[in-house]
Amino acid sequence: MMRRNFARDVFIYGAIVPLCAFAMLPLIWAGISALKPLEEVYVFPPSFSVRDPQWSNFYEAVTRLPILRFLVNSTLITVTSVMGAVLTSSMAGFALARLAFRGR
């Protein structure tokens, strides 16, 4: 049984957690900005707090924009891309498994 190095694990998780939090900042900012009135979104310096949440922003987005069309387009592009990647990767993997080449 392999023994784990506790100090190494603490160091790795200590580095990964702040990096993940930093990577999540744009998503957090988008969620907070969705609840702000337009005037608060463009205030400088920006703030992560919401004084008066505007839940009606979501209703307006759904009623004014063709959200269903956006979802269908995104799904179609994603499914096509994944199918193409799986097809080309499987063909390349088969070729690499069958062909004899230098460095194999």
Foldseek 3Di string as FASTA:
>chain_A
DDDDDPVVVCVVVVVVVVVVVVVCVVVLLVVQLLQEDPVLNPDPPHDSDHDHGDPCSVVCCVVVDVVVVVVVVVVVVVVVVVVVVVVVVVVVVVCVVPDDDPPD
